[in-house]
Amino acid sequence: MLKERVKDVAELTDALRRVAEGGSVVDPRIVEELVAVRRQRERSRLDTLTPRELEILGLIAEGQSNASIAEALVITKRAVERHISSIFGKLDLGNEDDVSRRVKAAVLYLTDTSANPQ
């Protein structure tokens, strides 16, 4: 608990009771700070992407296939594959055997853009 919350006798009593019963107490503001730090760390990874990579990542997040991305951006499918490979590398999303990299990248993108709408 934060120091300023300990001053509230009712909250402190409730927290002590929960801990004595085997539970735990985490101040919501601490959780908010941890989430904010994580978002900032994730956002900084997105900042390493080029505008084209961000555009492609946005299309991946929409569920587009490589072929449909290539068609939408009027580039080759191979160019899309190279961009995606670069995105995975910059976002440190594991090796080629990890089939969920595309989903991880999309979730990272959606988390960041929903927290910071354009």
N, C-alpha and C. Protein backbone atom coordinates (compact mmCIF):
# COMPACT_ATOMS: atom_id res chain seq x y z
N MET A 1 0.84 -1.18 0.00
CA MET A 1 0.00 0.00 0.00
C MET A 1 0.88 1.25 0.00
N LEU A 2 0.37 2.30 -0.59
CA LEU A 2 1.08 3.56 -0.60
C LEU A 2 0.93 4.25 0.75
N LYS A 3 1.94 5.05 1.11
CA LYS A 3 1.93 5.72 2.42
C LYS A 3 0.65 6.51 2.67
N GLU A 4 0.21 7.24 1.67
CA GLU A 4 -0.98 8.07 1.88
C GLU A 4 -2.24 7.24 2.11
N ARG A 5 -2.26 5.99 1.66
CA ARG A 5 -3.42 5.13 1.88
C ARG A 5 -3.40 4.52 3.28
N VAL A 6 -2.22 4.40 3.88
CA VAL A 6 -2.09 3.82 5.21
C VAL A 6 -2.74 4.74 6.24
N LYS A 7 -2.86 6.01 5.93
CA LYS A 7 -3.48 6.98 6.85
C LYS A 7 -4.97 6.72 7.02
N ASP A 8 -5.60 6.05 6.04
CA ASP A 8 -7.03 5.73 6.13
C ASP A 8 -7.17 4.46 6.96
N VAL A 9 -7.64 4.63 8.21
CA VAL A 9 -7.71 3.52 9.16
C VAL A 9 -8.58 2.37 8.64
N ALA A 10 -9.69 2.68 8.02
CA ALA A 10 -10.58 1.64 7.52
C ALA A 10 -9.90 0.83 6.42
N GLU A 11 -9.20 1.51 5.51
CA GLU A 11 -8.49 0.79 4.43
C GLU A 11 -7.37 -0.05 4.99
N LEU A 12 -6.62 0.48 5.94
CA LEU A 12 -5.52 -0.25 6.54
C LEU A 12 -6.04 -1.49 7.27
N THR A 13 -7.12 -1.33 8.01
CA THR A 13 -7.71 -2.45 8.75
C THR A 13 -8.17 -3.53 7.77
N ASP A 14 -8.82 -3.12 6.70
CA ASP A 14 -9.28 -4.08 5.69
C ASP A 14 -8.10 -4.80 5.05
N ALA A 15 -7.05 -4.07 4.74
CA ALA A 15 -5.86 -4.67 4.13
C ALA A 15 -5.21 -5.67 5.07
N LEU A 16 -5.07 -5.31 6.34
CA LEU A 16 -4.47 -6.22 7.32
C LEU A 16 -5.31 -7.48 7.49
N ARG A 17 -6.64 -7.32 7.51
CA ARG A 17 -7.52 -8.49 7.62
C ARG A 17 -7.32 -9.43 6.43
N ARG A 18 -7.29 -8.86 5.22
CA ARG A 18 -7.13 -9.70 4.02
C ARG A 18 -5.79 -10.43 4.02
N VAL A 19 -4.74 -9.75 4.42
CA VAL A 19 -3.42 -10.39 4.47
C VAL A 19 -3.39 -11.46 5.54
N ALA A 20 -4.00 -11.20 6.70
CA ALA A 20 -4.05 -12.20 7.78
C ALA A 20 -4.81 -13.45 7.36
N GLU A 21 -5.78 -13.28 6.44
CA GLU A 21 -6.55 -14.42 5.94
C GLU A 21 -5.86 -15.13 4.78
N GLY A 22 -4.63 -14.71 4.48
CA GLY A 22 -3.88 -15.37 3.42
C GLY A 22 -3.97 -14.69 2.07
N GLY A 23 -4.66 -13.57 2.02
CA GLY A 23 -4.79 -12.84 0.75
C GLY A 23 -3.63 -11.89 0.53
N SER A 24 -3.80 -11.03 -0.42
CA SER A 24 -2.78 -10.02 -0.68
C SER A 24 -3.46 -8.71 -1.00
N VAL A 25 -2.71 -7.64 -0.87
CA VAL A 25 -3.24 -6.31 -1.13
C VAL A 25 -2.24 -5.57 -2.02
N VAL A 26 -2.74 -5.07 -3.13
CA VAL A 26 -1.92 -4.25 -4.01
C VAL A 26 -2.71 -3.00 -4.32
N ASP A 27 -2.11 -1.87 -4.05
CA ASP A 27 -2.78 -0.60 -4.29
C ASP A 27 -3.03 -0.43 -5.79
N PRO A 28 -4.25 -0.05 -6.19
CA PRO A 28 -4.56 0.12 -7.61
C PRO A 28 -3.64 1.12 -8.31
N ARG A 29 -3.18 2.11 -7.58
CA ARG A 29 -2.27 3.08 -8.23
C ARG A 29 -0.93 2.46 -8.56
N ILE A 30 -0.49 1.48 -7.78
CA ILE A 30 0.75 0.78 -8.10
C ILE A 30 0.56 -0.03 -9.38
N VAL A 31 -0.58 -0.70 -9.49
CA VAL A 31 -0.89 -1.46 -10.70
C VAL A 31 -0.92 -0.54 -11.91
N GLU A 32 -1.56 0.63 -11.77
CA GLU A 32 -1.61 1.59 -12.87
C GLU A 32 -0.22 2.01 -13.31
N GLU A 33 0.66 2.24 -12.34
CA GLU A 33 2.04 2.63 -12.67
C GLU A 33 2.76 1.51 -13.41
N LEU A 34 2.59 0.27 -12.95
CA LEU A 34 3.24 -0.86 -13.62
C LEU A 34 2.73 -1.02 -15.05
N VAL A 35 1.43 -0.87 -15.25
CA VAL A 35 0.86 -0.96 -16.58
C VAL A 35 1.39 0.16 -17.47
N ALA A 36 1.49 1.36 -16.92
CA ALA A 36 2.00 2.50 -17.69
C ALA A 36 3.44 2.27 -18.12
N VAL A 37 4.25 1.73 -17.21
CA VAL A 37 5.65 1.44 -17.54
C VAL A 37 5.73 0.40 -18.64
N ARG A 38 4.90 -0.63 -18.54
CA ARG A 38 4.91 -1.68 -19.57
C ARG A 38 4.48 -1.10 -20.92
N ARG A 39 3.43 -0.29 -20.93
CA ARG A 39 2.99 0.34 -22.18
C ARG A 39 4.09 1.19 -22.79
N GLN A 40 4.79 1.94 -21.94
CA GLN A 40 5.87 2.79 -22.45
C GLN A 40 6.96 1.94 -23.07
N ARG A 41 7.29 0.83 -22.41
CA ARG A 41 8.33 -0.06 -22.94
C ARG A 41 7.89 -0.63 -24.28
N GLU A 42 6.62 -1.07 -24.36
CA GLU A 42 6.10 -1.62 -25.62
C GLU A 42 6.03 -0.53 -26.69
N ARG A 43 5.62 0.65 -26.30
CA ARG A 43 5.51 1.76 -27.25
C ARG A 43 6.89 2.08 -27.82
N SER A 44 7.91 2.04 -26.98
CA SER A 44 9.24 2.36 -27.47
C SER A 44 9.69 1.33 -28.51
N ARG A 45 9.23 0.09 -28.37
CA ARG A 45 9.56 -0.91 -29.40
C ARG A 45 8.84 -0.58 -30.69
N LEU A 46 7.59 -0.13 -30.63
CA LEU A 46 6.88 0.26 -31.84
C LEU A 46 7.54 1.46 -32.50
N ASP A 47 8.13 2.32 -31.70
CA ASP A 47 8.80 3.51 -32.24
C ASP A 47 10.00 3.16 -33.11
N THR A 48 10.48 1.92 -33.00
CA THR A 48 11.62 1.51 -33.83
C THR A 48 11.20 1.15 -35.25
N LEU A 49 9.89 1.03 -35.47
CA LEU A 49 9.39 0.63 -36.79
C LEU A 49 9.32 1.83 -37.73
N THR A 50 9.54 1.56 -39.01
CA THR A 50 9.40 2.61 -40.02
C THR A 50 7.90 2.85 -40.25
N PRO A 51 7.56 3.98 -40.88
CA PRO A 51 6.14 4.22 -41.18
C PRO A 51 5.51 3.09 -42.00
N ARG A 52 6.25 2.54 -42.96
CA ARG A 52 5.73 1.45 -43.78
C ARG A 52 5.51 0.21 -42.93
N GLU A 53 6.45 -0.09 -42.01
CA GLU A 53 6.29 -1.25 -41.13
C GLU A 53 5.09 -1.08 -40.21
N LEU A 54 4.88 0.14 -39.70
CA LEU A 54 3.69 0.40 -38.88
C LEU A 54 2.41 0.22 -39.68
N GLU A 55 2.45 0.65 -40.93
CA GLU A 55 1.28 0.49 -41.80
C GLU A 55 0.98 -1.00 -42.02
N ILE A 56 2.01 -1.76 -42.28
CA ILE A 56 1.84 -3.21 -42.48
C ILE A 56 1.38 -3.88 -41.19
N LEU A 57 1.95 -3.48 -40.07
CA LEU A 57 1.54 -4.05 -38.79
C LEU A 57 0.07 -3.74 -38.51
N GLY A 58 -0.38 -2.55 -38.87
CA GLY A 58 -1.79 -2.21 -38.73
C GLY A 58 -2.68 -3.12 -39.56
N LEU A 59 -2.24 -3.43 -40.76
CA LEU A 59 -3.01 -4.34 -41.62
C LEU A 59 -2.99 -5.76 -41.09
N ILE A 60 -1.87 -6.17 -40.51
CA ILE A 60 -1.80 -7.49 -39.86
C ILE A 60 -2.82 -7.52 -38.71
N ALA A 61 -2.87 -6.45 -37.94
CA ALA A 61 -3.79 -6.37 -36.80
C ALA A 61 -5.24 -6.44 -37.26
N GLU A 62 -5.51 -6.00 -38.49
CA GLU A 62 -6.86 -6.10 -39.05
C GLU A 62 -7.17 -7.51 -39.54
N GLY A 63 -6.16 -8.38 -39.54
CA GLY A 63 -6.36 -9.76 -39.97
C GLY A 63 -6.05 -10.00 -41.44
N GLN A 64 -5.40 -9.05 -42.09
CA GLN A 64 -5.09 -9.18 -43.51
C GLN A 64 -3.99 -10.21 -43.75
N SER A 65 -4.11 -10.92 -44.84
CA SER A 65 -3.06 -11.87 -45.25
C SER A 65 -1.94 -11.10 -45.94
N ASN A 66 -0.81 -11.76 -46.12
CA ASN A 66 0.31 -11.13 -46.83
C ASN A 66 -0.11 -10.72 -48.23
N ALA A 67 -0.86 -11.58 -48.90
CA ALA A 67 -1.29 -11.29 -50.27
C ALA A 67 -2.20 -10.06 -50.31
N SER A 68 -3.13 -9.97 -49.36
CA SER A 68 -4.03 -8.81 -49.37
C SER A 68 -3.30 -7.53 -48.98
N ILE A 69 -2.31 -7.65 -48.11
CA ILE A 69 -1.49 -6.48 -47.76
C ILE A 69 -0.72 -6.00 -48.99
N ALA A 70 -0.13 -6.95 -49.70
CA ALA A 70 0.62 -6.61 -50.91
C ALA A 70 -0.28 -5.90 -51.92
N GLU A 71 -1.47 -6.43 -52.10
CA GLU A 71 -2.42 -5.83 -53.05
C GLU A 71 -2.83 -4.43 -52.60
N ALA A 72 -3.12 -4.27 -51.33
CA ALA A 72 -3.57 -2.97 -50.81
C ALA A 72 -2.48 -1.90 -50.92
N LEU A 73 -1.24 -2.31 -50.72
CA LEU A 73 -0.13 -1.35 -50.73
C LEU A 73 0.57 -1.27 -52.08
N VAL A 74 0.12 -2.08 -53.02
CA VAL A 74 0.70 -2.14 -54.37
C VAL A 74 2.21 -2.41 -54.28
N ILE A 75 2.53 -3.46 -53.55
CA ILE A 75 3.92 -3.95 -53.48
C ILE A 75 3.87 -5.46 -53.64
N THR A 76 5.04 -6.07 -53.80
CA THR A 76 5.06 -7.52 -53.98
C THR A 76 4.82 -8.24 -52.65
N LYS A 77 4.36 -9.47 -52.77
CA LYS A 77 4.16 -10.29 -51.58
C LYS A 77 5.50 -10.50 -50.87
N ARG A 78 6.56 -10.64 -51.66
CA ARG A 78 7.90 -10.83 -51.09
C ARG A 78 8.32 -9.59 -50.29
N ALA A 79 7.98 -8.41 -50.77
CA ALA A 79 8.31 -7.18 -50.03
C ALA A 79 7.56 -7.16 -48.69
N VAL A 80 6.31 -7.59 -48.71
CA VAL A 80 5.53 -7.68 -47.46
C VAL A 80 6.22 -8.65 -46.50
N GLU A 81 6.64 -9.78 -47.00
CA GLU A 81 7.32 -10.78 -46.16
C GLU A 81 8.60 -10.21 -45.55
N ARG A 82 9.35 -9.43 -46.33
CA ARG A 82 10.58 -8.82 -45.80
C ARG A 82 10.24 -7.80 -44.71
N HIS A 83 9.21 -7.02 -44.93
CA HIS A 83 8.80 -6.04 -43.91
C HIS A 83 8.36 -6.76 -42.64
N ILE A 84 7.58 -7.82 -42.79
CA ILE A 84 7.10 -8.55 -41.61
C ILE A 84 8.27 -9.17 -40.85
N SER A 85 9.23 -9.70 -41.57
CA SER A 85 10.41 -10.26 -40.93
C SER A 85 11.15 -9.19 -40.14
N SER A 86 11.26 -8.01 -40.71
CA SER A 86 11.90 -6.89 -40.02
C SER A 86 11.11 -6.47 -38.79
N ILE A 87 9.79 -6.45 -38.91
CA ILE A 87 8.93 -6.10 -37.77
C ILE A 87 9.14 -7.09 -36.64
N PHE A 88 9.12 -8.38 -36.95
CA PHE A 88 9.31 -9.40 -35.93
C PHE A 88 10.66 -9.24 -35.24
N GLY A 89 11.69 -8.94 -36.03
CA GLY A 89 13.03 -8.75 -35.46
C GLY A 89 13.08 -7.54 -34.54
N LYS A 90 12.54 -6.42 -34.99
CA LYS A 90 12.57 -5.20 -34.19
C LYS A 90 11.74 -5.32 -32.92
N LEU A 91 10.65 -6.08 -32.99
CA LEU A 91 9.79 -6.26 -31.81
C LEU A 91 10.25 -7.43 -30.95
N ASP A 92 11.33 -8.09 -31.36
CA ASP A 92 11.90 -9.22 -30.61
C ASP A 92 10.84 -10.27 -30.31
N LEU A 93 10.22 -10.78 -31.39
CA LEU A 93 9.11 -11.72 -31.22
C LEU A 93 9.48 -13.18 -31.46
N GLY A 94 10.71 -13.53 -31.23
CA GLY A 94 11.08 -14.94 -31.29
C GLY A 94 11.53 -15.40 -32.66
N ASN A 95 11.77 -16.71 -32.73
CA ASN A 95 12.30 -17.28 -33.96
C ASN A 95 11.20 -17.71 -34.92
N GLU A 96 11.58 -18.22 -36.07
CA GLU A 96 10.62 -18.57 -37.12
C GLU A 96 9.72 -19.74 -36.75
N ASP A 97 10.11 -20.54 -35.76
CA ASP A 97 9.28 -21.68 -35.36
C ASP A 97 8.10 -21.24 -34.48
N ASP A 98 8.14 -20.00 -34.01
CA ASP A 98 7.08 -19.48 -33.15
C ASP A 98 5.93 -18.98 -34.02
N VAL A 99 4.89 -19.80 -34.16
CA VAL A 99 3.80 -19.48 -35.08
C VAL A 99 2.91 -18.35 -34.59
N SER A 100 3.03 -17.95 -33.34
CA SER A 100 2.15 -16.91 -32.82
C SER A 100 2.76 -15.51 -32.93
N ARG A 101 3.88 -15.36 -33.61
CA ARG A 101 4.52 -14.05 -33.72
C ARG A 101 3.59 -13.02 -34.36
N ARG A 102 2.84 -13.42 -35.34
CA ARG A 102 1.92 -12.51 -36.02
C ARG A 102 0.85 -11.99 -35.05
N VAL A 103 0.34 -12.91 -34.22
CA VAL A 103 -0.66 -12.53 -33.23
C VAL A 103 -0.03 -11.63 -32.16
N LYS A 104 1.16 -11.97 -31.71
CA LYS A 104 1.84 -11.15 -30.71
C LYS A 104 2.07 -9.74 -31.24
N ALA A 105 2.49 -9.63 -32.47
CA ALA A 105 2.73 -8.32 -33.08
C ALA A 105 1.43 -7.53 -33.16
N ALA A 106 0.35 -8.18 -33.56
CA ALA A 106 -0.95 -7.51 -33.66
C ALA A 106 -1.43 -7.03 -32.31
N VAL A 107 -1.28 -7.86 -31.28
CA VAL A 107 -1.71 -7.48 -29.94
C VAL A 107 -0.90 -6.29 -29.44
N LEU A 108 0.40 -6.31 -29.67
CA LEU A 108 1.25 -5.21 -29.28
C LEU A 108 0.80 -3.92 -29.96
N TYR A 109 0.52 -4.00 -31.24
CA TYR A 109 0.06 -2.84 -32.00
C TYR A 109 -1.28 -2.34 -31.48
N LEU A 110 -2.22 -3.23 -31.29
CA LEU A 110 -3.55 -2.84 -30.83
C LEU A 110 -3.53 -2.27 -29.42
N THR A 111 -2.71 -2.84 -28.56
CA THR A 111 -2.58 -2.33 -27.19
C THR A 111 -2.07 -0.90 -27.21
N ASP A 112 -1.06 -0.65 -28.04
CA ASP A 112 -0.47 0.68 -28.10
C ASP A 112 -1.42 1.68 -28.74
N THR A 113 -2.05 1.32 -29.82
CA THR A 113 -2.91 2.27 -30.50
C THR A 113 -4.21 2.53 -29.74
N SER A 114 -4.67 1.56 -28.96
CA SER A 114 -5.88 1.82 -28.16
C SER A 114 -5.56 2.68 -26.95
N ALA A 115 -4.34 2.57 -26.44
CA ALA A 115 -3.93 3.40 -25.32
C ALA A 115 -3.60 4.82 -25.76
N ASN A 116 -3.17 4.96 -27.03
CA ASN A 116 -2.79 6.26 -27.58
C ASN A 116 -3.43 6.46 -28.92
N PRO A 117 -4.73 6.73 -28.99
CA PRO A 117 -5.40 6.89 -30.28
C PRO A 117 -4.78 8.05 -31.07
N GLN A 118 -4.72 7.87 -32.36
CA GLN A 118 -4.10 8.88 -33.23
C GLN A 118 -4.98 10.08 -33.37
